[in-house]
Amino acid sequence: MTDHEEPTLPGTGVPRHRAPVVRCRECHRPLRAPESRWERLGPHCATAPDRTVRYDIDQDPLPGT
């Protein structure tokens, strides 16, 4: 038995394996809910507004203003 296997199920010869740890792609917390694991987003990160990029550019004033 390796370190990532658990003892076999009673009455079977099938070894149990631990589920892989799935982490949020934003905050990197471990996820447990099936929907969160599928989307790879935690509940707080899924409801957060999308990040927007803002560019501050020096511009000349418009003529006539």
N, C-alpha and C. Protein backbone atom coordinates (compact mmCIF):
# COMPACT_ATOMS: atom_id res chain seq x y z
N MET A 1 0.85 -1.18 0.00
CA MET A 1 0.00 0.00 0.00
C MET A 1 0.90 1.24 0.00
N THR A 2 0.61 2.16 -0.89
CA THR A 2 1.40 3.39 -0.97
C THR A 2 0.81 4.44 -0.06
N ASP A 3 1.47 5.59 0.05
CA ASP A 3 1.01 6.63 0.97
C ASP A 3 -0.26 7.33 0.51
N HIS A 4 -0.65 7.21 -0.77
CA HIS A 4 -1.86 7.87 -1.24
C HIS A 4 -3.05 6.93 -1.30
N GLU A 5 -2.89 5.69 -0.88
CA GLU A 5 -3.99 4.74 -0.85
C GLU A 5 -4.47 4.55 0.58
N GLU A 6 -5.75 4.30 0.71
CA GLU A 6 -6.33 3.98 2.00
C GLU A 6 -6.54 2.48 2.07
N PRO A 7 -6.85 1.92 3.24
CA PRO A 7 -7.09 0.48 3.33
C PRO A 7 -8.23 0.05 2.41
N THR A 8 -8.22 -1.22 2.02
CA THR A 8 -9.26 -1.71 1.11
C THR A 8 -10.61 -1.69 1.81
N LEU A 9 -11.65 -1.62 1.00
CA LEU A 9 -13.01 -1.66 1.52
C LEU A 9 -13.28 -3.04 2.09
N PRO A 10 -13.98 -3.12 3.23
CA PRO A 10 -14.27 -4.43 3.81
C PRO A 10 -15.07 -5.30 2.84
N GLY A 11 -14.65 -6.53 2.68
CA GLY A 11 -15.36 -7.47 1.80
C GLY A 11 -15.00 -7.34 0.34
N THR A 12 -14.12 -6.45 -0.02
CA THR A 12 -13.70 -6.31 -1.41
C THR A 12 -12.19 -6.28 -1.47
N GLY A 13 -11.65 -6.50 -2.61
CA GLY A 13 -10.21 -6.40 -2.79
C GLY A 13 -9.83 -5.11 -3.49
N VAL A 14 -10.77 -4.16 -3.53
CA VAL A 14 -10.55 -2.91 -4.27
C VAL A 14 -9.95 -1.86 -3.33
N PRO A 15 -8.75 -1.37 -3.63
CA PRO A 15 -8.19 -0.32 -2.78
C PRO A 15 -8.90 1.01 -3.00
N ARG A 16 -9.05 1.78 -1.93
CA ARG A 16 -9.66 3.11 -2.03
C ARG A 16 -8.57 4.13 -2.25
N HIS A 17 -8.85 5.11 -3.08
CA HIS A 17 -7.92 6.22 -3.33
C HIS A 17 -8.57 7.50 -2.83
N ARG A 18 -7.77 8.38 -2.28
CA ARG A 18 -8.28 9.68 -1.87
C ARG A 18 -8.60 10.52 -3.09
N ALA A 19 -9.65 11.31 -2.97
CA ALA A 19 -10.00 12.23 -4.06
C ALA A 19 -8.92 13.30 -4.15
N PRO A 20 -8.56 13.71 -5.35
CA PRO A 20 -7.53 14.75 -5.47
C PRO A 20 -8.04 16.07 -4.88
N VAL A 21 -7.13 16.84 -4.35
CA VAL A 21 -7.48 18.15 -3.80
C VAL A 21 -7.65 19.12 -4.96
N VAL A 22 -8.83 19.72 -5.05
CA VAL A 22 -9.11 20.72 -6.09
C VAL A 22 -9.15 22.07 -5.40
N ARG A 23 -8.40 23.02 -5.92
CA ARG A 23 -8.32 24.34 -5.30
C ARG A 23 -8.93 25.39 -6.22
N CYS A 24 -9.44 26.45 -5.62
CA CYS A 24 -10.01 27.58 -6.35
C CYS A 24 -8.91 28.24 -7.17
N ARG A 25 -9.23 28.58 -8.40
CA ARG A 25 -8.21 29.20 -9.26
C ARG A 25 -7.96 30.66 -8.91
N GLU A 26 -8.81 31.26 -8.07
CA GLU A 26 -8.62 32.65 -7.65
C GLU A 26 -7.95 32.74 -6.29
N CYS A 27 -8.55 32.11 -5.27
CA CYS A 27 -8.04 32.26 -3.90
C CYS A 27 -7.25 31.04 -3.43
N HIS A 28 -7.24 29.97 -4.20
CA HIS A 28 -6.47 28.74 -3.93
C HIS A 28 -6.90 28.00 -2.67
N ARG A 29 -8.13 28.20 -2.23
CA ARG A 29 -8.65 27.43 -1.11
C ARG A 29 -9.12 26.07 -1.62
N PRO A 30 -9.06 25.03 -0.78
CA PRO A 30 -9.57 23.72 -1.21
C PRO A 30 -11.08 23.77 -1.39
N LEU A 31 -11.58 23.10 -2.41
CA LEU A 31 -13.01 23.10 -2.71
C LEU A 31 -13.60 21.74 -2.38
N ARG A 32 -14.83 21.73 -1.85
CA ARG A 32 -15.48 20.48 -1.49
C ARG A 32 -16.80 20.26 -2.22
N ALA A 33 -17.52 21.30 -2.54
CA ALA A 33 -18.81 21.16 -3.23
C ALA A 33 -18.58 20.71 -4.67
N PRO A 34 -19.39 19.77 -5.16
CA PRO A 34 -19.19 19.27 -6.53
C PRO A 34 -19.22 20.37 -7.59
N GLU A 35 -20.16 21.32 -7.47
CA GLU A 35 -20.24 22.40 -8.47
C GLU A 35 -18.99 23.27 -8.43
N SER A 36 -18.52 23.57 -7.23
CA SER A 36 -17.32 24.40 -7.09
C SER A 36 -16.11 23.67 -7.66
N ARG A 37 -16.02 22.36 -7.40
CA ARG A 37 -14.90 21.58 -7.92
C ARG A 37 -14.93 21.53 -9.44
N TRP A 38 -16.13 21.43 -10.00
CA TRP A 38 -16.26 21.37 -11.46
C TRP A 38 -15.84 22.70 -12.10
N GLU A 39 -16.28 23.81 -11.50
CA GLU A 39 -15.96 25.14 -12.05
C GLU A 39 -14.60 25.65 -11.60
N ARG A 40 -14.03 25.03 -10.58
CA ARG A 40 -12.76 25.43 -9.98
C ARG A 40 -12.82 26.86 -9.45
N LEU A 41 -14.00 27.22 -8.94
CA LEU A 41 -14.19 28.54 -8.31
C LEU A 41 -14.94 28.34 -7.00
N GLY A 42 -14.45 28.97 -5.95
CA GLY A 42 -15.14 28.93 -4.67
C GLY A 42 -16.40 29.76 -4.72
N PRO A 43 -17.30 29.60 -3.74
CA PRO A 43 -18.56 30.35 -3.76
C PRO A 43 -18.36 31.85 -3.71
N HIS A 44 -17.35 32.32 -2.98
CA HIS A 44 -17.11 33.76 -2.90
C HIS A 44 -16.48 34.29 -4.19
N CYS A 45 -15.63 33.52 -4.79
CA CYS A 45 -14.96 33.96 -6.02
C CYS A 45 -15.90 33.90 -7.22
N ALA A 46 -16.87 32.98 -7.20
CA ALA A 46 -17.80 32.86 -8.32
C ALA A 46 -18.76 34.04 -8.38
N THR A 47 -19.08 34.63 -7.21
CA THR A 47 -20.02 35.75 -7.20
C THR A 47 -19.32 37.10 -7.26
N ALA A 48 -17.99 37.09 -7.24
CA ALA A 48 -17.24 38.35 -7.30
C ALA A 48 -17.35 38.94 -8.71
N PRO A 49 -17.41 40.27 -8.81
CA PRO A 49 -17.46 40.88 -10.15
C PRO A 49 -16.17 40.62 -10.90
N ASP A 50 -16.28 40.57 -12.21
CA ASP A 50 -15.10 40.35 -13.05
C ASP A 50 -14.14 41.52 -12.90
N ARG A 51 -12.89 41.22 -12.98
CA ARG A 51 -11.87 42.27 -12.90
C ARG A 51 -11.87 43.05 -14.21
N THR A 52 -11.75 44.35 -14.10
CA THR A 52 -11.66 45.18 -15.30
C THR A 52 -10.32 45.90 -15.29
N VAL A 53 -9.80 46.09 -16.47
CA VAL A 53 -8.52 46.77 -16.62
C VAL A 53 -8.81 48.23 -16.94
N ARG A 54 -8.14 49.13 -16.24
CA ARG A 54 -8.33 50.55 -16.48
C ARG A 54 -6.99 51.14 -16.86
N TYR A 55 -6.99 51.88 -17.95
CA TYR A 55 -5.78 52.52 -18.43
C TYR A 55 -5.92 54.03 -18.26
N ASP A 56 -4.98 54.65 -17.58
CA ASP A 56 -4.95 56.10 -17.46
C ASP A 56 -3.98 56.63 -18.51
N ILE A 57 -4.55 57.35 -19.49
CA ILE A 57 -3.75 57.84 -20.61
C ILE A 57 -3.85 59.36 -20.66
N ASP A 58 -2.72 60.02 -20.80
CA ASP A 58 -2.72 61.48 -20.96
C ASP A 58 -3.22 61.81 -22.36
N GLN A 59 -4.21 62.70 -22.43
CA GLN A 59 -4.80 63.06 -23.70
C GLN A 59 -4.89 64.58 -23.81
N ASP A 60 -4.79 65.06 -25.03
CA ASP A 60 -4.99 66.49 -25.29
C ASP A 60 -6.47 66.80 -25.21
N PRO A 61 -6.83 68.02 -24.75
CA PRO A 61 -8.28 68.35 -24.70
C PRO A 61 -8.85 68.45 -26.12
N LEU A 62 -10.14 68.19 -26.22
CA LEU A 62 -10.81 68.29 -27.51
C LEU A 62 -10.88 69.75 -27.93
N PRO A 63 -10.74 70.03 -29.24
CA PRO A 63 -10.82 71.42 -29.70
C PRO A 63 -12.23 71.97 -29.47
N GLY A 64 -12.30 73.23 -29.04
CA GLY A 64 -13.59 73.89 -28.81
C GLY A 64 -14.12 73.69 -27.42
N THR A 65 -13.39 73.01 -26.55
CA THR A 65 -13.91 72.82 -25.18
C THR A 65 -13.16 73.67 -24.20
